[in-house]
Amino acid sequence: MESQTFVKEICLTTTQVWVRTDALLVDVREKDEVAQLAFGVPNMTQIPFGEFEAHLTEIPEDRNMVMVC
């Protein structure tokens, strides 16, 4: 079984390093929250948290993932 690391919270600097090294950035805010304030980050995937489980197969298992809200 592949080793996984779970992190509760990381700072913006660490997030930027992870994204530069091919981490997947996933915005888990609900659609109405995104409409109120867009992050404007290129290559960010948007999967509302309420739908996240239904989209698990779309998440690559071979990449780090940063979930933002």
N, C-alpha and C. Protein backbone atom coordinates (compact mmCIF):
# COMPACT_ATOMS: atom_id res chain seq x y z
N MET A 1 0.84 -1.19 0.00
CA MET A 1 0.00 0.00 0.00
C MET A 1 0.88 1.24 0.00
N GLU A 2 0.50 2.22 -0.80
CA GLU A 2 1.27 3.44 -0.94
C GLU A 2 1.15 4.30 0.31
N SER A 3 2.23 4.94 0.67
CA SER A 3 2.24 5.82 1.84
C SER A 3 1.54 7.13 1.53
N GLN A 4 0.73 7.61 2.46
CA GLN A 4 0.04 8.88 2.30
C GLN A 4 0.35 9.76 3.49
N THR A 5 0.43 11.05 3.26
CA THR A 5 0.65 12.02 4.32
C THR A 5 -0.57 12.92 4.37
N PHE A 6 -1.16 13.05 5.53
CA PHE A 6 -2.30 13.93 5.71
C PHE A 6 -1.86 15.13 6.53
N VAL A 7 -2.15 16.32 6.03
CA VAL A 7 -1.76 17.55 6.69
C VAL A 7 -3.03 18.34 6.97
N LYS A 8 -3.19 18.82 8.18
CA LYS A 8 -4.40 19.58 8.51
C LYS A 8 -4.38 20.97 7.90
N GLU A 9 -3.26 21.65 7.96
CA GLU A 9 -3.20 23.01 7.47
C GLU A 9 -1.77 23.34 7.07
N ILE A 10 -1.62 24.01 5.92
CA ILE A 10 -0.30 24.46 5.51
C ILE A 10 -0.39 25.94 5.15
N CYS A 11 0.74 26.61 5.22
CA CYS A 11 0.76 28.05 4.94
C CYS A 11 0.81 28.31 3.44
N LEU A 12 0.60 29.54 3.06
CA LEU A 12 0.60 29.93 1.65
C LEU A 12 1.93 29.62 0.99
N THR A 13 3.03 29.86 1.68
CA THR A 13 4.35 29.60 1.10
C THR A 13 4.53 28.12 0.78
N THR A 14 4.14 27.25 1.70
CA THR A 14 4.23 25.81 1.46
C THR A 14 3.30 25.39 0.32
N THR A 15 2.11 25.97 0.28
CA THR A 15 1.18 25.68 -0.81
C THR A 15 1.81 26.02 -2.15
N GLN A 16 2.44 27.18 -2.24
CA GLN A 16 3.07 27.60 -3.49
C GLN A 16 4.18 26.64 -3.90
N VAL A 17 4.96 26.18 -2.95
CA VAL A 17 6.03 25.21 -3.24
C VAL A 17 5.42 23.91 -3.75
N TRP A 18 4.40 23.41 -3.07
CA TRP A 18 3.76 22.16 -3.48
C TRP A 18 3.19 22.28 -4.88
N VAL A 19 2.53 23.40 -5.19
CA VAL A 19 1.92 23.59 -6.51
C VAL A 19 3.00 23.67 -7.59
N ARG A 20 4.11 24.32 -7.29
CA ARG A 20 5.22 24.38 -8.25
C ARG A 20 5.83 23.00 -8.50
N THR A 21 5.68 22.11 -7.53
CA THR A 21 6.21 20.75 -7.70
C THR A 21 5.11 19.76 -8.04
N ASP A 22 4.07 20.25 -8.75
CA ASP A 22 3.01 19.42 -9.34
C ASP A 22 1.91 18.96 -8.40
N ALA A 23 1.71 19.63 -7.29
CA ALA A 23 0.56 19.29 -6.44
C ALA A 23 -0.71 19.79 -7.12
N LEU A 24 -1.79 19.10 -6.88
CA LEU A 24 -3.09 19.47 -7.42
C LEU A 24 -3.76 20.41 -6.43
N LEU A 25 -4.19 21.57 -6.90
CA LEU A 25 -4.87 22.55 -6.07
C LEU A 25 -6.37 22.41 -6.31
N VAL A 26 -7.13 22.08 -5.26
CA VAL A 26 -8.56 21.83 -5.38
C VAL A 26 -9.33 22.79 -4.49
N ASP A 27 -10.16 23.61 -5.10
CA ASP A 27 -11.03 24.54 -4.39
C ASP A 27 -12.30 23.77 -4.02
N VAL A 28 -12.55 23.58 -2.73
CA VAL A 28 -13.70 22.79 -2.29
C VAL A 28 -14.87 23.66 -1.80
N ARG A 29 -14.82 24.96 -2.10
CA ARG A 29 -15.93 25.82 -1.72
C ARG A 29 -17.14 25.49 -2.56
N GLU A 30 -18.30 25.74 -2.02
CA GLU A 30 -19.55 25.53 -2.76
C GLU A 30 -19.66 26.62 -3.85
N LYS A 31 -20.48 26.35 -4.88
CA LYS A 31 -20.57 27.25 -6.03
C LYS A 31 -20.96 28.68 -5.66
N ASP A 32 -21.85 28.84 -4.69
CA ASP A 32 -22.25 30.20 -4.30
C ASP A 32 -21.10 30.94 -3.62
N GLU A 33 -20.24 30.22 -2.92
CA GLU A 33 -19.07 30.86 -2.29
C GLU A 33 -18.06 31.29 -3.34
N VAL A 34 -17.87 30.49 -4.37
CA VAL A 34 -16.95 30.83 -5.45
C VAL A 34 -17.46 32.07 -6.19
N ALA A 35 -18.77 32.15 -6.38
CA ALA A 35 -19.36 33.31 -7.07
C ALA A 35 -19.12 34.60 -6.28
N GLN A 36 -19.07 34.51 -4.96
CA GLN A 36 -18.86 35.69 -4.12
C GLN A 36 -17.41 36.16 -4.16
N LEU A 37 -16.47 35.22 -4.21
CA LEU A 37 -15.06 35.58 -4.18
C LEU A 37 -14.25 34.55 -4.95
N ALA A 38 -13.84 34.90 -6.16
CA ALA A 38 -13.03 34.00 -6.97
C ALA A 38 -11.56 34.19 -6.59
N PHE A 39 -10.81 33.10 -6.56
CA PHE A 39 -9.38 33.17 -6.24
C PHE A 39 -8.54 33.62 -7.43
N GLY A 40 -8.97 33.30 -8.64
CA GLY A 40 -8.21 33.68 -9.82
C GLY A 40 -6.87 32.97 -9.93
N VAL A 41 -6.82 31.73 -9.49
CA VAL A 41 -5.59 30.95 -9.55
C VAL A 41 -5.66 30.02 -10.76
N PRO A 42 -4.67 30.10 -11.67
CA PRO A 42 -4.72 29.22 -12.83
C PRO A 42 -4.53 27.75 -12.45
N ASN A 43 -5.12 26.88 -13.23
CA ASN A 43 -4.98 25.42 -13.05
C ASN A 43 -5.52 24.90 -11.72
N MET A 44 -6.46 25.60 -11.13
CA MET A 44 -7.08 25.12 -9.90
C MET A 44 -8.36 24.37 -10.27
N THR A 45 -8.53 23.20 -9.69
CA THR A 45 -9.72 22.40 -9.92
C THR A 45 -10.77 22.81 -8.90
N GLN A 46 -12.03 22.92 -9.32
CA GLN A 46 -13.10 23.30 -8.39
C GLN A 46 -14.05 22.12 -8.25
N ILE A 47 -14.08 21.52 -7.07
CA ILE A 47 -15.01 20.44 -6.75
C ILE A 47 -15.67 20.82 -5.42
N PRO A 48 -16.93 21.22 -5.44
CA PRO A 48 -17.60 21.59 -4.19
C PRO A 48 -17.51 20.46 -3.16
N PHE A 49 -17.27 20.83 -1.92
CA PHE A 49 -17.09 19.83 -0.87
C PHE A 49 -18.27 18.87 -0.78
N GLY A 50 -19.47 19.38 -0.99
CA GLY A 50 -20.66 18.54 -0.94
C GLY A 50 -20.70 17.49 -2.03
N GLU A 51 -19.90 17.67 -3.09
CA GLU A 51 -19.84 16.72 -4.20
C GLU A 51 -18.51 15.97 -4.26
N PHE A 52 -17.63 16.24 -3.30
CA PHE A 52 -16.27 15.73 -3.37
C PHE A 52 -16.20 14.21 -3.45
N GLU A 53 -16.96 13.53 -2.60
CA GLU A 53 -16.92 12.07 -2.58
C GLU A 53 -17.31 11.47 -3.93
N ALA A 54 -18.26 12.09 -4.60
CA ALA A 54 -18.71 11.59 -5.90
C ALA A 54 -17.64 11.76 -6.98
N HIS A 55 -16.66 12.62 -6.74
CA HIS A 55 -15.61 12.91 -7.72
C HIS A 55 -14.25 12.34 -7.33
N LEU A 56 -14.20 11.49 -6.33
CA LEU A 56 -12.91 10.94 -5.86
C LEU A 56 -12.12 10.26 -6.98
N THR A 57 -12.80 9.61 -7.89
CA THR A 57 -12.08 8.91 -8.96
C THR A 57 -11.39 9.87 -9.92
N GLU A 58 -11.73 11.15 -9.87
CA GLU A 58 -11.10 12.14 -10.74
C GLU A 58 -9.80 12.67 -10.15
N ILE A 59 -9.55 12.38 -8.88
CA ILE A 59 -8.35 12.88 -8.21
C ILE A 59 -7.20 11.91 -8.43
N PRO A 60 -6.10 12.38 -9.04
CA PRO A 60 -4.96 11.49 -9.26
C PRO A 60 -4.35 11.05 -7.92
N GLU A 61 -4.08 9.77 -7.80
CA GLU A 61 -3.52 9.25 -6.56
C GLU A 61 -2.02 9.43 -6.47
N ASP A 62 -1.38 9.80 -7.58
CA ASP A 62 0.07 9.92 -7.61
C ASP A 62 0.56 11.36 -7.44
N ARG A 63 -0.33 12.25 -7.00
CA ARG A 63 0.05 13.66 -6.80
C ARG A 63 -0.37 14.12 -5.41
N ASN A 64 0.41 15.04 -4.85
CA ASN A 64 -0.04 15.70 -3.63
C ASN A 64 -1.24 16.55 -3.99
N MET A 65 -2.10 16.79 -3.01
CA MET A 65 -3.30 17.59 -3.23
C MET A 65 -3.41 18.61 -2.11
N VAL A 66 -3.70 19.85 -2.49
CA VAL A 66 -3.97 20.91 -1.53
C VAL A 66 -5.42 21.31 -1.72
N MET A 67 -6.21 21.16 -0.67
CA MET A 67 -7.61 21.56 -0.70
C MET A 67 -7.71 22.95 -0.09
N VAL A 68 -8.34 23.86 -0.81
CA VAL A 68 -8.49 25.23 -0.32
C VAL A 68 -9.96 25.59 -0.21
N CYS A 69 -10.27 26.47 0.75
CA CYS A 69 -11.65 26.92 0.89
C CYS A 69 -11.67 28.36 1.34
